[in-house]
Amino acid sequence: PIAVISGLTVITKSVPVFFTCIGMGFILTGVGAAAAYGLYL
């Protein structure tokens, strides 16, 4: 979520950086949540 928020702050300056931050934010959240659940089990 921090990466997503960072992406939102640069949307007016650089659209590619915005999409990169948003994409990385979602990937980090998804992979982290799946890994955390698997490790908990």
PDB file of all heavy atoms in Angstrom:
ATOM      1  N   PRO A   1       0.809  -1.223   0.000  1.00  0.00           N
ATOM      2  CA  PRO A   1       0.000   0.000   0.000  1.00  0.00           C
ATOM      3  C   PRO A   1       0.848   1.282   0.000  1.00  0.00           C
ATOM      4  O   PRO A   1       0.449   2.290  -0.595  1.00  0.00           O
ATOM      5  CB  PRO A   1      -0.814  -0.106   1.291  1.00  0.00           C
ATOM      6  CG  PRO A   1      -0.864  -1.575   1.578  1.00  0.00           C
ATOM      7  CD  PRO A   1       0.430  -2.121   1.081  1.00  0.00           C
ATOM      8  N   ILE A   2       2.026   1.225   0.633  1.00  0.00           N
ATOM      9  CA  ILE A   2       2.898   2.408   0.636  1.00  0.00           C
ATOM     10  C   ILE A   2       3.370   2.705  -0.790  1.00  0.00           C
ATOM     11  O   ILE A   2       3.426   3.869  -1.210  1.00  0.00           O
ATOM     12  CB  ILE A   2       4.094   2.197   1.594  1.00  0.00           C
ATOM     13  CG1 ILE A   2       3.586   2.154   3.037  1.00  0.00           C
ATOM     14  CG2 ILE A   2       5.148   3.281   1.420  1.00  0.00           C
ATOM     15  CD1 ILE A   2       4.623   1.773   4.065  1.00  0.00           C
ATOM     16  N   ALA A   3       3.681   1.639  -1.549  1.00  0.00           N
ATOM     17  CA  ALA A   3       4.094   1.832  -2.952  1.00  0.00           C
ATOM     18  C   ALA A   3       2.942   2.413  -3.778  1.00  0.00           C
ATOM     19  O   ALA A   3       3.163   3.285  -4.627  1.00  0.00           O
ATOM     20  CB  ALA A   3       4.566   0.512  -3.542  1.00  0.00           C
ATOM     21  N   VAL A   4       1.712   1.949  -3.523  1.00  0.00           N
ATOM     22  CA  VAL A   4       0.543   2.481  -4.245  1.00  0.00           C
ATOM     23  C   VAL A   4       0.373   3.963  -3.922  1.00  0.00           C
ATOM     24  O   VAL A   4       0.154   4.788  -4.831  1.00  0.00           O
ATOM     25  CB  VAL A   4      -0.732   1.680  -3.882  1.00  0.00           C
ATOM     26  CG1 VAL A   4      -1.976   2.359  -4.435  1.00  0.00           C
ATOM     27  CG2 VAL A   4      -0.619   0.257  -4.401  1.00  0.00           C
ATOM     28  N   ILE A   5       0.479   4.325  -2.661  1.00  0.00           N
ATOM     29  CA  ILE A   5       0.337   5.740  -2.254  1.00  0.00           C
ATOM     30  C   ILE A   5       1.446   6.581  -2.888  1.00  0.00           C
ATOM     31  O   ILE A   5       1.208   7.697  -3.365  1.00  0.00           O
ATOM     32  CB  ILE A   5       0.344   5.861  -0.714  1.00  0.00           C
ATOM     33  CG1 ILE A   5      -0.939   5.229  -0.154  1.00  0.00           C
ATOM     34  CG2 ILE A   5       0.462   7.311  -0.273  1.00  0.00           C
ATOM     35  CD1 ILE A   5      -0.925   5.022   1.350  1.00  0.00           C
ATOM     36  N   SER A   6       2.670   6.026  -2.932  1.00  0.00           N
ATOM     37  CA  SER A   6       3.786   6.743  -3.573  1.00  0.00           C
ATOM     38  C   SER A   6       3.491   6.983  -5.041  1.00  0.00           C
ATOM     39  O   SER A   6       3.794   8.053  -5.588  1.00  0.00           O
ATOM     40  CB  SER A   6       5.083   5.940  -3.437  1.00  0.00           C
ATOM     41  OG  SER A   6       5.420   5.770  -2.094  1.00  0.00           O
ATOM     42  N   GLY A   7       2.924   5.967  -5.681  1.00  0.00           N
ATOM     43  CA  GLY A   7       2.565   6.120  -7.100  1.00  0.00           C
ATOM     44  C   GLY A   7       1.549   7.226  -7.304  1.00  0.00           C
ATOM     45  O   GLY A   7       1.640   7.998  -8.274  1.00  0.00           O
ATOM     46  N   LEU A   8       0.598   7.333  -6.407  1.00  0.00           N
ATOM     47  CA  LEU A   8      -0.426   8.378  -6.518  1.00  0.00           C
ATOM     48  C   LEU A   8       0.167   9.782  -6.376  1.00  0.00           C
ATOM     49  O   LEU A   8      -0.343  10.741  -6.955  1.00  0.00           O
ATOM     50  CB  LEU A   8      -1.528   8.163  -5.477  1.00  0.00           C
ATOM     51  CG  LEU A   8      -2.398   6.914  -5.682  1.00  0.00           C
ATOM     52  CD1 LEU A   8      -3.343   6.722  -4.496  1.00  0.00           C
ATOM     53  CD2 LEU A   8      -3.180   6.997  -6.989  1.00  0.00           C
ATOM     54  N   THR A   9       1.238   9.888  -5.616  1.00  0.00           N
ATOM     55  CA  THR A   9       1.839  11.217  -5.415  1.00  0.00           C
ATOM     56  C   THR A   9       2.628  11.701  -6.635  1.00  0.00           C
ATOM     57  O   THR A   9       2.891  12.892  -6.759  1.00  0.00           O
ATOM     58  CB  THR A   9       2.779  11.219  -4.187  1.00  0.00           C
ATOM     59  OG1 THR A   9       3.840  10.293  -4.412  1.00  0.00           O
ATOM     60  CG2 THR A   9       2.033  10.887  -2.919  1.00  0.00           C
ATOM     61  N   VAL A  10       3.015  10.764  -7.531  1.00  0.00           N
ATOM     62  CA  VAL A  10       3.801  11.174  -8.710  1.00  0.00           C
ATOM     63  C   VAL A  10       3.006  11.100 -10.013  1.00  0.00           C
ATOM     64  O   VAL A  10       3.585  11.237 -11.093  1.00  0.00           O
ATOM     65  CB  VAL A  10       5.085  10.312  -8.834  1.00  0.00           C
ATOM     66  CG1 VAL A  10       6.000  10.538  -7.667  1.00  0.00           C
ATOM     67  CG2 VAL A  10       4.763   8.854  -9.031  1.00  0.00           C
ATOM     68  N   ILE A  11       1.707  10.899  -9.920  1.00  0.00           N
ATOM     69  CA  ILE A  11       0.895  10.726 -11.138  1.00  0.00           C
ATOM     70  C   ILE A  11       0.977  11.929 -12.064  1.00  0.00           C
ATOM     71  O   ILE A  11       0.995  11.789 -13.283  1.00  0.00           O
ATOM     72  CB  ILE A  11      -0.570  10.382 -10.787  1.00  0.00           C
ATOM     73  CG1 ILE A  11      -1.296   9.910 -12.045  1.00  0.00           C
ATOM     74  CG2 ILE A  11      -1.282  11.552 -10.140  1.00  0.00           C
ATOM     75  CD1 ILE A  11      -2.643   9.297 -11.778  1.00  0.00           C
ATOM     76  N   THR A  12       1.070  13.129 -11.499  1.00  0.00           N
ATOM     77  CA  THR A  12       1.122  14.325 -12.345  1.00  0.00           C
ATOM     78  C   THR A  12       2.509  14.540 -12.941  1.00  0.00           C
ATOM     79  O   THR A  12       2.649  15.238 -13.944  1.00  0.00           O
ATOM     80  CB  THR A  12       0.731  15.575 -11.528  1.00  0.00           C
ATOM     81  OG1 THR A  12       1.605  15.668 -10.406  1.00  0.00           O
ATOM     82  CG2 THR A  12      -0.707  15.500 -11.074  1.00  0.00           C
ATOM     83  N   LYS A  13       3.539  13.951 -12.396  1.00  0.00           N
ATOM     84  CA  LYS A  13       4.912  14.166 -12.873  1.00  0.00           C
ATOM     85  C   LYS A  13       5.344  13.104 -13.880  1.00  0.00           C
ATOM     86  O   LYS A  13       6.055  13.408 -14.839  1.00  0.00           O
ATOM     87  CB  LYS A  13       5.871  14.174 -11.693  1.00  0.00           C
ATOM     88  CG  LYS A  13       5.611  15.326 -10.745  1.00  0.00           C
ATOM     89  CD  LYS A  13       6.531  15.282  -9.567  1.00  0.00           C
ATOM     90  CE  LYS A  13       6.144  16.402  -8.607  1.00  0.00           C
ATOM     91  NZ  LYS A  13       6.742  16.294  -7.337  1.00  0.00           N
ATOM     92  N   SER A  14       4.936  11.826 -13.627  1.00  0.00           N
ATOM     93  CA  SER A  14       5.387  10.758 -14.524  1.00  0.00           C
ATOM     94  C   SER A  14       4.396   9.598 -14.480  1.00  0.00           C
ATOM     95  O   SER A  14       4.303   8.884 -13.482  1.00  0.00           O
ATOM     96  CB  SER A  14       6.772  10.284 -14.103  1.00  0.00           C
ATOM     97  OG  SER A  14       7.172   9.176 -14.873  1.00  0.00           O
ATOM     98  N   VAL A  15       3.701   9.399 -15.581  1.00  0.00           N
ATOM     99  CA  VAL A  15       2.710   8.327 -15.674  1.00  0.00           C
ATOM    100  C   VAL A  15       3.376   6.952 -15.616  1.00  0.00           C
ATOM    101  O   VAL A  15       2.882   6.054 -14.934  1.00  0.00           O
ATOM    102  CB  VAL A  15       1.829   8.488 -16.930  1.00  0.00           C
ATOM    103  CG1 VAL A  15       0.893   7.300 -17.118  1.00  0.00           C
ATOM    104  CG2 VAL A  15       1.023   9.778 -16.855  1.00  0.00           C
ATOM    105  N   PRO A  16       4.529   6.722 -16.293  1.00  0.00           N
ATOM    106  CA  PRO A  16       5.174   5.406 -16.180  1.00  0.00           C
ATOM    107  C   PRO A  16       5.582   5.061 -14.742  1.00  0.00           C
ATOM    108  O   PRO A  16       5.435   3.912 -14.304  1.00  0.00           O
ATOM    109  CB  PRO A  16       6.408   5.523 -17.091  1.00  0.00           C
ATOM    110  CG  PRO A  16       6.080   6.598 -18.062  1.00  0.00           C
ATOM    111  CD  PRO A  16       5.196   7.550 -17.316  1.00  0.00           C
ATOM    112  N   VAL A  17       6.100   6.057 -14.011  1.00  0.00           N
ATOM    113  CA  VAL A  17       6.473   5.812 -12.606  1.00  0.00           C
ATOM    114  C   VAL A  17       5.215   5.495 -11.795  1.00  0.00           C
ATOM    115  O   VAL A  17       5.227   4.610 -10.926  1.00  0.00           O
ATOM    116  CB  VAL A  17       7.239   7.019 -12.011  1.00  0.00           C
ATOM    117  CG1 VAL A  17       7.447   6.862 -10.508  1.00  0.00           C
ATOM    118  CG2 VAL A  17       8.572   7.216 -12.714  1.00  0.00           C
ATOM    119  N   PHE A  18       4.124   6.195 -12.088  1.00  0.00           N
ATOM    120  CA  PHE A  18       2.853   5.930 -11.405  1.00  0.00           C
ATOM    121  C   PHE A  18       2.435   4.473 -11.593  1.00  0.00           C
ATOM    122  O   PHE A  18       2.138   3.759 -10.630  1.00  0.00           O
ATOM    123  CB  PHE A  18       1.774   6.881 -11.933  1.00  0.00           C
ATOM    124  CG  PHE A  18       0.367   6.441 -11.629  1.00  0.00           C
ATOM    125  CD1 PHE A  18      -0.146   6.560 -10.354  1.00  0.00           C
ATOM    126  CD2 PHE A  18      -0.438   5.890 -12.632  1.00  0.00           C
ATOM    127  CE1 PHE A  18      -1.457   6.152 -10.069  1.00  0.00           C
ATOM    128  CE2 PHE A  18      -1.734   5.482 -12.355  1.00  0.00           C
ATOM    129  CZ  PHE A  18      -2.243   5.608 -11.076  1.00  0.00           C
ATOM    130  N   PHE A  19       2.417   4.001 -12.864  1.00  0.00           N
ATOM    131  CA  PHE A  19       2.011   2.615 -13.133  1.00  0.00           C
ATOM    132  C   PHE A  19       2.981   1.600 -12.519  1.00  0.00           C
ATOM    133  O   PHE A  19       2.573   0.544 -12.034  1.00  0.00           O
ATOM    134  CB  PHE A  19       1.849   2.377 -14.644  1.00  0.00           C
ATOM    135  CG  PHE A  19       0.564   2.940 -15.195  1.00  0.00           C
ATOM    136  CD1 PHE A  19       0.586   3.924 -16.179  1.00  0.00           C
ATOM    137  CD2 PHE A  19      -0.667   2.500 -14.710  1.00  0.00           C
ATOM    138  CE1 PHE A  19      -0.599   4.444 -16.672  1.00  0.00           C
ATOM    139  CE2 PHE A  19      -1.849   3.016 -15.211  1.00  0.00           C
ATOM    140  CZ  PHE A  19      -1.813   3.998 -16.190  1.00  0.00           C
ATOM    141  N   THR A  20       4.266   1.931 -12.542  1.00  0.00           N
ATOM    142  CA  THR A  20       5.272   1.034 -11.944  1.00  0.00           C
ATOM    143  C   THR A  20       5.031   0.897 -10.443  1.00  0.00           C
ATOM    144  O   THR A  20       5.033  -0.221  -9.893  1.00  0.00           O
ATOM    145  CB  THR A  20       6.696   1.573 -12.203  1.00  0.00           C
ATOM    146  OG1 THR A  20       6.896   1.691 -13.608  1.00  0.00           O
ATOM    147  CG2 THR A  20       7.746   0.646 -11.602  1.00  0.00           C
ATOM    148  N   CYS A  21       4.810   2.022  -9.774  1.00  0.00           N
ATOM    149  CA  CYS A  21       4.568   1.988  -8.315  1.00  0.00           C
ATOM    150  C   CYS A  21       3.276   1.239  -7.988  1.00  0.00           C
ATOM    151  O   CYS A  21       3.243   0.439  -7.043  1.00  0.00           O
ATOM    152  CB  CYS A  21       4.518   3.409  -7.755  1.00  0.00           C
ATOM    153  SG  CYS A  21       6.105   4.226  -7.706  1.00  0.00           S
ATOM    154  N   ILE A  22       2.222   1.490  -8.760  1.00  0.00           N
ATOM    155  CA  ILE A  22       0.939   0.820  -8.520  1.00  0.00           C
ATOM    156  C   ILE A  22       1.104  -0.690  -8.718  1.00  0.00           C
ATOM    157  O   ILE A  22       0.668  -1.508  -7.898  1.00  0.00           O
ATOM    158  CB  ILE A  22      -0.164   1.369  -9.459  1.00  0.00           C
ATOM    159  CG1 ILE A  22      -0.454   2.841  -9.171  1.00  0.00           C
ATOM    160  CG2 ILE A  22      -1.447   0.545  -9.355  1.00  0.00           C
ATOM    161  CD1 ILE A  22      -1.133   3.116  -7.864  1.00  0.00           C
ATOM    162  N   GLY A  23       1.734  -1.068  -9.835  1.00  0.00           N
ATOM    163  CA  GLY A  23       1.945  -2.487 -10.118  1.00  0.00           C
ATOM    164  C   GLY A  23       2.778  -3.167  -9.050  1.00  0.00           C
ATOM    165  O   GLY A  23       2.432  -4.260  -8.559  1.00  0.00           O
ATOM    166  N   MET A  24       3.886  -2.533  -8.676  1.00  0.00           N
ATOM    167  CA  MET A  24       4.742  -3.109  -7.629  1.00  0.00           C
ATOM    168  C   MET A  24       3.994  -3.204  -6.296  1.00  0.00           C
ATOM    169  O   MET A  24       4.159  -4.167  -5.547  1.00  0.00           O
ATOM    170  CB  MET A  24       6.012  -2.269  -7.461  1.00  0.00           C
ATOM    171  CG  MET A  24       6.984  -2.394  -8.616  1.00  0.00           C
ATOM    172  SD  MET A  24       7.517  -4.089  -8.921  1.00  0.00           S
ATOM    173  CE  MET A  24       8.422  -4.446  -7.446  1.00  0.00           C
ATOM    174  N   GLY A  25       3.170  -2.207  -6.021  1.00  0.00           N
ATOM    175  CA  GLY A  25       2.389  -2.224  -4.770  1.00  0.00           C
ATOM    176  C   GLY A  25       1.436  -3.408  -4.707  1.00  0.00           C
ATOM    177  O   GLY A  25       1.361  -4.109  -3.694  1.00  0.00           O
ATOM    178  N   PHE A  26       0.728  -3.645  -5.823  1.00  0.00           N
ATOM    179  CA  PHE A  26      -0.207  -4.777  -5.846  1.00  0.00           C
ATOM    180  C   PHE A  26       0.525  -6.116  -5.798  1.00  0.00           C
ATOM    181  O   PHE A  26       0.100  -7.055  -5.136  1.00  0.00           O
ATOM    182  CB  PHE A  26      -1.109  -4.706  -7.084  1.00  0.00           C
ATOM    183  CG  PHE A  26      -2.165  -3.636  -6.994  1.00  0.00           C
ATOM    184  CD1 PHE A  26      -2.416  -2.786  -8.063  1.00  0.00           C
ATOM    185  CD2 PHE A  26      -2.903  -3.469  -5.834  1.00  0.00           C
ATOM    186  CE1 PHE A  26      -3.395  -1.804  -7.982  1.00  0.00           C
ATOM    187  CE2 PHE A  26      -3.891  -2.495  -5.745  1.00  0.00           C
ATOM    188  CZ  PHE A  26      -4.125  -1.658  -6.817  1.00  0.00           C
ATOM    189  N   ILE A  27       1.654  -6.201  -6.512  1.00  0.00           N
ATOM    190  CA  ILE A  27       2.440  -7.445  -6.490  1.00  0.00           C
ATOM    191  C   ILE A  27       2.959  -7.723  -5.077  1.00  0.00           C
ATOM    192  O   ILE A  27       2.842  -8.844  -4.568  1.00  0.00           O
ATOM    193  CB  ILE A  27       3.608  -7.370  -7.507  1.00  0.00           C
ATOM    194  CG1 ILE A  27       3.062  -7.443  -8.923  1.00  0.00           C
ATOM    195  CG2 ILE A  27       4.612  -8.495  -7.260  1.00  0.00           C
ATOM    196  CD1 ILE A  27       4.087  -7.133 -10.001  1.00  0.00           C
ATOM    197  N   LEU A  28       3.533  -6.696  -4.445  1.00  0.00           N
ATOM    198  CA  LEU A  28       4.039  -6.872  -3.079  1.00  0.00           C
ATOM    199  C   LEU A  28       2.941  -7.316  -2.122  1.00  0.00           C
ATOM    200  O   LEU A  28       3.130  -8.229  -1.317  1.00  0.00           O
ATOM    201  CB  LEU A  28       4.664  -5.569  -2.559  1.00  0.00           C
ATOM    202  CG  LEU A  28       6.080  -5.254  -3.022  1.00  0.00           C
ATOM    203  CD1 LEU A  28       6.471  -3.848  -2.582  1.00  0.00           C
ATOM    204  CD2 LEU A  28       7.063  -6.266  -2.455  1.00  0.00           C
ATOM    205  N   THR A  29       1.798  -6.663  -2.226  1.00  0.00           N
ATOM    206  CA  THR A  29       0.688  -7.009  -1.327  1.00  0.00           C
ATOM    207  C   THR A  29       0.215  -8.435  -1.568  1.00  0.00           C
ATOM    208  O   THR A  29       0.038  -9.216  -0.621  1.00  0.00           O
ATOM    209  CB  THR A  29      -0.491  -6.031  -1.518  1.00  0.00           C
ATOM    210  OG1 THR A  29      -0.024  -4.696  -1.285  1.00  0.00           O
ATOM    211  CG2 THR A  29      -1.618  -6.330  -0.555  1.00  0.00           C
ATOM    212  N   GLY A  30       0.021  -8.812  -2.820  1.00  0.00           N
ATOM    213  CA  GLY A  30      -0.462 -10.160  -3.143  1.00  0.00           C
ATOM    214  C   GLY A  30       0.526 -11.245  -2.746  1.00  0.00           C
ATOM    215  O   GLY A  30       0.169 -12.226  -2.081  1.00  0.00           O
ATOM    216  N   VAL A  31       1.780 -11.070  -3.158  1.00  0.00           N
ATOM    217  CA  VAL A  31       2.801 -12.076  -2.838  1.00  0.00           C
ATOM    218  C   VAL A  31       3.019 -12.147  -1.326  1.00  0.00           C
ATOM    219  O   VAL A  31       3.121 -13.233  -0.745  1.00  0.00           O
ATOM    220  CB  VAL A  31       4.125 -11.761  -3.584  1.00  0.00           C
ATOM    221  CG1 VAL A  31       5.269 -12.620  -3.064  1.00  0.00           C
ATOM    222  CG2 VAL A  31       3.945 -11.956  -5.070  1.00  0.00           C
ATOM    223  N   GLY A  32       3.080 -10.984  -0.682  1.00  0.00           N
ATOM    224  CA  GLY A  32       3.285 -10.955   0.773  1.00  0.00           C
ATOM    225  C   GLY A  32       2.152 -11.625   1.530  1.00  0.00           C
ATOM    226  O   GLY A  32       2.384 -12.399   2.459  1.00  0.00           O
ATOM    227  N   ALA A  33       0.899 -11.363   1.114  1.00  0.00           N
ATOM    228  CA  ALA A  33      -0.253 -11.973   1.791  1.00  0.00           C
ATOM    229  C   ALA A  33      -0.267 -13.487   1.593  1.00  0.00           C
ATOM    230  O   ALA A  33      -0.492 -14.250   2.545  1.00  0.00           O
ATOM    231  CB  ALA A  33      -1.550 -11.360   1.277  1.00  0.00           C
ATOM    232  N   ALA A  34       0.006 -13.940   0.372  1.00  0.00           N
ATOM    233  CA  ALA A  34       0.026 -15.387   0.111  1.00  0.00           C
ATOM    234  C   ALA A  34       1.148 -16.064   0.899  1.00  0.00           C
ATOM    235  O   ALA A  34       0.954 -17.118   1.506  1.00  0.00           O
ATOM    236  CB  ALA A  34       0.201 -15.646  -1.386  1.00  0.00           C
ATOM    237  N   ALA A  35       2.333 -15.444   0.912  1.00  0.00           N
ATOM    238  CA  ALA A  35       3.463 -16.013   1.643  1.00  0.00           C
ATOM    239  C   ALA A  35       3.197 -16.021   3.150  1.00  0.00           C
ATOM    240  O   ALA A  35       3.499 -17.001   3.842  1.00  0.00           O
ATOM    241  CB  ALA A  35       4.734 -15.227   1.337  1.00  0.00           C
ATOM    242  N   ALA A  36       2.618 -14.940   3.661  1.00  0.00           N
ATOM    243  CA  ALA A  36       2.334 -14.871   5.101  1.00  0.00           C
ATOM    244  C   ALA A  36       1.344 -15.957   5.510  1.00  0.00           C
ATOM    245  O   ALA A  36       1.531 -16.628   6.533  1.00  0.00           O
ATOM    246  CB  ALA A  36       1.785 -13.490   5.468  1.00  0.00           C
ATOM    247  N   TYR A  37       0.307 -16.165   4.704  1.00  0.00           N
ATOM    248  CA  TYR A  37      -0.677 -17.200   5.016  1.00  0.00           C
ATOM    249  C   TYR A  37      -0.048 -18.592   4.952  1.00  0.00           C
ATOM    250  O   TYR A  37      -0.251 -19.432   5.827  1.00  0.00           O
ATOM    251  CB  TYR A  37      -1.883 -17.106   4.079  1.00  0.00           C
ATOM    252  CG  TYR A  37      -2.945 -18.125   4.397  1.00  0.00           C
ATOM    253  CD1 TYR A  37      -3.704 -18.011   5.560  1.00  0.00           C
ATOM    254  CD2 TYR A  37      -3.179 -19.204   3.557  1.00  0.00           C
ATOM    255  CE1 TYR A  37      -4.673 -18.949   5.870  1.00  0.00           C
ATOM    256  CE2 TYR A  37      -4.149 -20.148   3.859  1.00  0.00           C
ATOM    257  CZ  TYR A  37      -4.893 -20.017   5.017  1.00  0.00           C
ATOM    258  OH  TYR A  37      -5.845 -20.950   5.323  1.00  0.00           O
ATOM    259  N   GLY A  38       0.740 -18.840   3.907  1.00  0.00           N
ATOM    260  CA  GLY A  38       1.412 -20.130   3.774  1.00  0.00           C
ATOM    261  C   GLY A  38       2.368 -20.387   4.933  1.00  0.00           C
ATOM    262  O   GLY A  38       2.418 -21.499   5.482  1.00  0.00           O
ATOM    263  N   LEU A  39       3.117 -19.370   5.335  1.00  0.00           N
ATOM    264  CA  LEU A  39       4.052 -19.526   6.458  1.00  0.00           C
ATOM    265  C   LEU A  39       3.312 -19.725   7.771  1.00  0.00           C
ATOM    266  O   LEU A  39       3.771 -20.461   8.643  1.00  0.00           O
ATOM    267  CB  LEU A  39       4.984 -18.310   6.532  1.00  0.00           C
ATOM    268  CG  LEU A  39       6.059 -18.278   5.453  1.00  0.00           C
ATOM    269  CD1 LEU A  39       6.671 -16.896   5.350  1.00  0.00           C
ATOM    270  CD2 LEU A  39       7.132 -19.319   5.736  1.00  0.00           C
ATOM    271  N   TYR A  40       2.160 -19.069   7.912  1.00  0.00           N
ATOM    272  CA  TYR A  40       1.353 -19.271   9.124  1.00  0.00           C
ATOM    273  C   TYR A  40       0.912 -20.736   9.217  1.00  0.00           C
ATOM    274  O   TYR A  40       1.018 -21.355  10.276  1.00  0.00           O
ATOM    275  CB  TYR A  40       0.140 -18.337   9.091  1.00  0.00           C
ATOM    276  CG  TYR A  40      -0.860 -18.609  10.182  1.00  0.00           C
ATOM    277  CD1 TYR A  40      -0.609 -18.201  11.492  1.00  0.00           C
ATOM    278  CD2 TYR A  40      -2.048 -19.284   9.919  1.00  0.00           C
ATOM    279  CE1 TYR A  40      -1.517 -18.459  12.499  1.00  0.00           C
ATOM    280  CE2 TYR A  40      -2.959 -19.539  10.922  1.00  0.00           C
ATOM    281  CZ  TYR A  40      -2.691 -19.124  12.209  1.00  0.00           C
ATOM    282  OH  TYR A  40      -3.598 -19.386  13.211  1.00  0.00           O
ATOM    283  N   LEU A  41       0.453 -21.297   8.107  1.00  0.00           N
ATOM    284  CA  LEU A  41       0.045 -22.714   8.098  1.00  0.00           C
ATOM    285  C   LEU A  41       1.242 -23.627   8.370  1.00  0.00           C
ATOM    286  O   LEU A  41       1.133 -24.598   9.128  1.00  0.00           O
ATOM    287  CB  LEU A  41      -0.597 -23.083   6.759  1.00  0.00           C
ATOM    288  CG  LEU A  41      -1.929 -22.393   6.435  1.00  0.00           C
ATOM    289  CD1 LEU A  41      -2.402 -22.793   5.048  1.00  0.00           C
ATOM    290  CD2 LEU A  41      -2.982 -22.715   7.484  1.00  0.00           C
TER     291      LEU A  41
END
